[in-house]
C-alpha atoms as a PDB file:
ATOM      1  CA  MET A   1     166.547 123.230 100.697  1.00  0.00           C
ATOM      2  CA  VAL A   2     167.722 124.920 103.874  1.00  0.00           C
ATOM      3  CA  LEU A   3     169.983 123.728 106.685  1.00  0.00           C
ATOM      4  CA  ALA A   4     168.592 124.829 110.074  1.00  0.00           C
ATOM      5  CA  GLY A   5     169.868 124.551 113.627  1.00  0.00           C
ATOM      6  CA  HIS A   6     168.015 125.285 116.853  1.00  0.00           C
ATOM      7  CA  ARG A   7     167.738 124.505 120.564  1.00  0.00           C
ATOM      8  CA  THR A   8     164.627 122.893 122.061  1.00  0.00           C
ATOM      9  CA  PRO A   9     163.898 122.443 125.788  1.00  0.00           C
ATOM     10  CA  VAL A  10     163.175 118.743 126.470  1.00  0.00           C
ATOM     11  CA  GLY A  11     162.888 118.617 130.234  1.00  0.00           C
ATOM     12  CA  ALA A  12     164.218 119.949 133.497  1.00  0.00           C
ATOM     13  CA  ARG A  13     167.294 121.989 132.516  1.00  0.00           C
ATOM     14  CA  LEU A  14     167.817 119.850 129.370  1.00  0.00           C
ATOM     15  CA  THR A  15     168.109 121.373 125.914  1.00  0.00           C
ATOM     16  CA  ALA A  16     168.378 119.450 122.654  1.00  0.00           C
ATOM     17  CA  VAL A  17     170.589 120.889 119.925  1.00  0.00           C
ATOM     18  CA  THR A  18     169.067 119.995 116.582  1.00  0.00           C
ATOM     19  CA  VAL A  19     170.302 120.326 112.999  1.00  0.00           C
ATOM     20  CA  GLU A  20     167.896 119.475 110.210  1.00  0.00           C
ATOM     21  CA  ILE A  21     167.308 119.840 106.507  1.00  0.00           C
ATOM     22  CA  VAL A  22     164.183 121.770 105.560  1.00  0.00           C
ATOM     23  CA  SER A  23     162.830 121.102 102.083  1.00  0.00           C
ATOM     24  CA  LEU A  24     160.266 123.407 100.527  1.00  0.00           C
ATOM     25  CA  ASP A  25     157.926 122.348  97.745  1.00  0.00           C
ATOM     26  CA  PRO A  26     155.659 125.402  97.365  1.00  0.00           C
ATOM     27  CA  PRO A  27     152.779 125.661  97.577  1.00  0.00           C
ATOM     28  CA  ASN A  28     151.978 122.113  98.735  1.00  0.00           C
ATOM     29  CA  ARG A  29     154.605 120.817 101.135  1.00  0.00           C
ATOM     30  CA  MET A  30     157.330 121.536 103.698  1.00  0.00           C
ATOM     31  CA  GLY A  31     159.484 118.701 104.980  1.00  0.00           C
ATOM     32  CA  PHE A  32     162.022 118.337 107.772  1.00  0.00           C
ATOM     33  CA  ARG A  33     164.645 115.595 108.216  1.00  0.00           C
ATOM     34  CA  LEU A  34     166.861 115.380 111.289  1.00  0.00           C
ATOM     35  CA  LEU A  35     170.645 115.344 110.713  1.00  0.00           C
ATOM     36  CA  ARG A  36     171.766 115.801 114.326  1.00  0.00           C
ATOM     37  CA  GLY A  37     169.623 115.775 117.411  1.00  0.00           C
ATOM     38  CA  PRO A  38     168.490 114.063 120.561  1.00  0.00           C
ATOM     39  CA  VAL A  39     167.235 110.952 118.724  1.00  0.00           C
ATOM     40  CA  PRO A  40     168.548 109.150 115.622  1.00  0.00           C
ATOM     41  CA  HIS A  41     165.485 109.606 113.403  1.00  0.00           C
ATOM     42  CA  VAL A  42     162.909 112.359 112.915  1.00  0.00           C
ATOM     43  CA  VAL A  43     160.954 113.146 109.755  1.00  0.00           C
ATOM     44  CA  GLU A  44     158.171 115.759 109.676  1.00  0.00           C
ATOM     45  CA  THR A  45     155.902 116.933 106.861  1.00  0.00           C
ATOM     46  CA  PHE A  46     153.444 119.799 106.591  1.00  0.00           C
ATOM     47  CA  THR A  47     151.113 119.602 103.596  1.00  0.00           C
ATOM     48  CA  PHE A  48     148.719 122.232 102.321  1.00  0.00           C
ATOM     49  CA  ASP A  49     145.616 121.155 100.407  1.00  0.00           C
ATOM     50  CA  GLU A  50     142.939 123.336  98.861  1.00  0.00           C
ATOM     51  CA  ILE A  51     139.474 122.630 100.205  1.00  0.00           C
ATOM     52  CA  ALA A  52     136.134 124.291  99.461  1.00  0.00           C
ATOM     53  CA  ASP A  53     136.402 126.948 102.166  1.00  0.00           C
ATOM     54  CA  GLY A  54     140.174 127.504 102.346  1.00  0.00           C
ATOM     55  CA  THR A  55     143.301 125.469 102.925  1.00  0.00           C
ATOM     56  CA  ARG A  56     143.804 122.368 105.057  1.00  0.00           C
ATOM     57  CA  LEU A  57     147.157 122.174 106.850  1.00  0.00           C
ATOM     58  CA  THR A  58     148.136 118.603 107.761  1.00  0.00           C
ATOM     59  CA  TYR A  59     151.099 117.648 109.929  1.00  0.00           C
ATOM     60  CA  THR A  60     152.701 114.211 110.070  1.00  0.00           C
ATOM     61  CA  GLY A  61     155.800 113.209 111.975  1.00  0.00           C
ATOM     62  CA  GLU A  62     157.751 110.160 112.986  1.00  0.00           C
ATOM     63  CA  LEU A  63     160.428 109.709 115.613  1.00  0.00           C
ATOM     64  CA  GLY A  64     162.709 106.699 115.937  1.00  0.00           C
ATOM     65  CA  THR A  65     165.088 105.670 118.714  1.00  0.00           C
ATOM     66  CA  ASP A  66     167.732 103.078 119.434  1.00  0.00           C
ATOM     67  CA  LEU A  67     169.266 101.699 122.669  1.00  0.00           C
ATOM     68  CA  TRP A  68     166.301  99.521 123.586  1.00  0.00           C
ATOM     69  CA  ARG A  69     164.477 100.526 126.830  1.00  0.00           C
ATOM     70  CA  LEU A  70     166.756 103.473 127.552  1.00  0.00           C
ATOM     71  CA  GLY A  71     166.272 104.791 124.005  1.00  0.00           C
ATOM     72  CA  HIS A  72     162.537 104.239 124.240  1.00  0.00           C
ATOM     73  CA  ALA A  73     162.332 106.193 127.533  1.00  0.00           C
ATOM     74  CA  TRP A  74     164.430 109.017 126.065  1.00  0.00           C
ATOM     75  CA  GLY A  75     162.289 109.022 122.905  1.00  0.00           C
ATOM     76  CA  ASP A  76     159.146 109.374 125.035  1.00  0.00           C
ATOM     77  CA  LEU A  77     160.644 112.412 126.802  1.00  0.00           C
ATOM     78  CA  VAL A  78     161.689 114.013 123.507  1.00  0.00           C
ATOM     79  CA  ALA A  79     158.336 113.178 121.862  1.00  0.00           C
ATOM     80  CA  ARG A  80     156.323 114.859 124.651  1.00  0.00           C
ATOM     81  CA  SER A  81     158.244 118.099 124.184  1.00  0.00           C
ATOM     82  CA  TRP A  82     158.145 117.759 120.388  1.00  0.00           C
ATOM     83  CA  VAL A  83     154.369 117.140 120.271  1.00  0.00           C
ATOM     84  CA  GLN A  84     153.710 120.067 122.637  1.00  0.00           C
ATOM     85  CA  THR A  85     155.864 122.381 120.520  1.00  0.00           C
ATOM     86  CA  VAL A  86     154.038 121.358 117.330  1.00  0.00           C
ATOM     87  CA  GLN A  87     150.611 121.744 119.015  1.00  0.00           C
ATOM     88  CA  ASP A  88     151.539 125.209 120.298  1.00  0.00           C
ATOM     89  CA  SER A  89     152.790 126.250 116.856  1.00  0.00           C
ATOM     90  CA  MET A  90     149.680 124.922 115.104  1.00  0.00           C
ATOM     91  CA  ALA A  91     147.422 126.746 117.594  1.00  0.00           C
ATOM     92  CA  ALA A  92     149.306 130.014 116.976  1.00  0.00           C
ATOM     93  CA  ILE A  93     149.092 129.520 113.197  1.00  0.00           C
ATOM     94  CA  LYS A  94     145.347 128.800 113.451  1.00  0.00           C
ATOM     95  CA  ALA A  95     144.695 131.848 115.636  1.00  0.00           C
ATOM     96  CA  GLU A  96     146.644 134.174 113.350  1.00  0.00           C
ATOM     97  CA  SER A  97     144.983 132.731 110.217  1.00  0.00           C
ATOM     98  CA  GLU A  98     141.541 133.211 111.736  1.00  0.00           C
ATOM     99  CA  ARG A  99     142.451 136.743 112.856  1.00  0.00           C
ATOM    100  CA  ARG A 100     143.600 137.643 109.348  1.00  0.00           C
ATOM    101  CA  ALA A 101     140.562 136.038 107.713  1.00  0.00           C
ATOM    102  CA  GLY A 102     138.275 137.957 110.058  1.00  0.00           C
ATOM    103  CA  GLY A 103     140.104 141.199 109.356  1.00  0.00           C
ATOM    104  CA  SER A 104     139.834 140.777 105.582  1.00  0.00           C
ATOM    105  CA  ARG A 105     136.032 140.781 105.687  1.00  0.00           C
ATOM    106  CA  GLY A 106     135.880 144.489 106.390  1.00  0.00           C
ATOM    107  CA  PRO A 107     134.791 146.580 109.374  1.00  0.00           C
ATOM    108  CA  ALA A 108     131.076 145.731 109.198  1.00  0.00           C
ATOM    109  CA  SER A 109     131.447 141.965 109.470  1.00  0.00           C
ATOM    110  CA  ALA A 110     134.427 142.187 111.836  1.00  0.00           C
ATOM    111  CA  GLY A 111     132.447 144.486 114.147  1.00  0.00           C
ATOM    112  CA  SER A 112     129.498 142.086 114.263  1.00  0.00           C
ATOM    113  CA  ARG A 113     131.633 139.252 115.603  1.00  0.00           C
ATOM    114  CA  SER A 114     132.180 138.854 119.318  1.00  0.00           C
END
């Protein structure tokens, strides 16, 4: 388990300070639980499953708010930034994984790809 803190932009000149617990269960799972942040409840999980042609990475997350309509509106703002950050990270992970997989095939096969 690791305690992590970071800052995340959530809108025009707004930054959320977040503290969370990161739990590692190699090689199958990474989990995150919010301790302090812009909303009262966040839980995220990344799971890794072997499949025939590699590994499937699956992300799940939940975000909970309080304060009725105001909390719901704030949760929507935080969720948009949160979802975009996760999508950007997953795209970067996918691109790097594909780059490495392509590079491990050797010069002949890598040179034949365009």
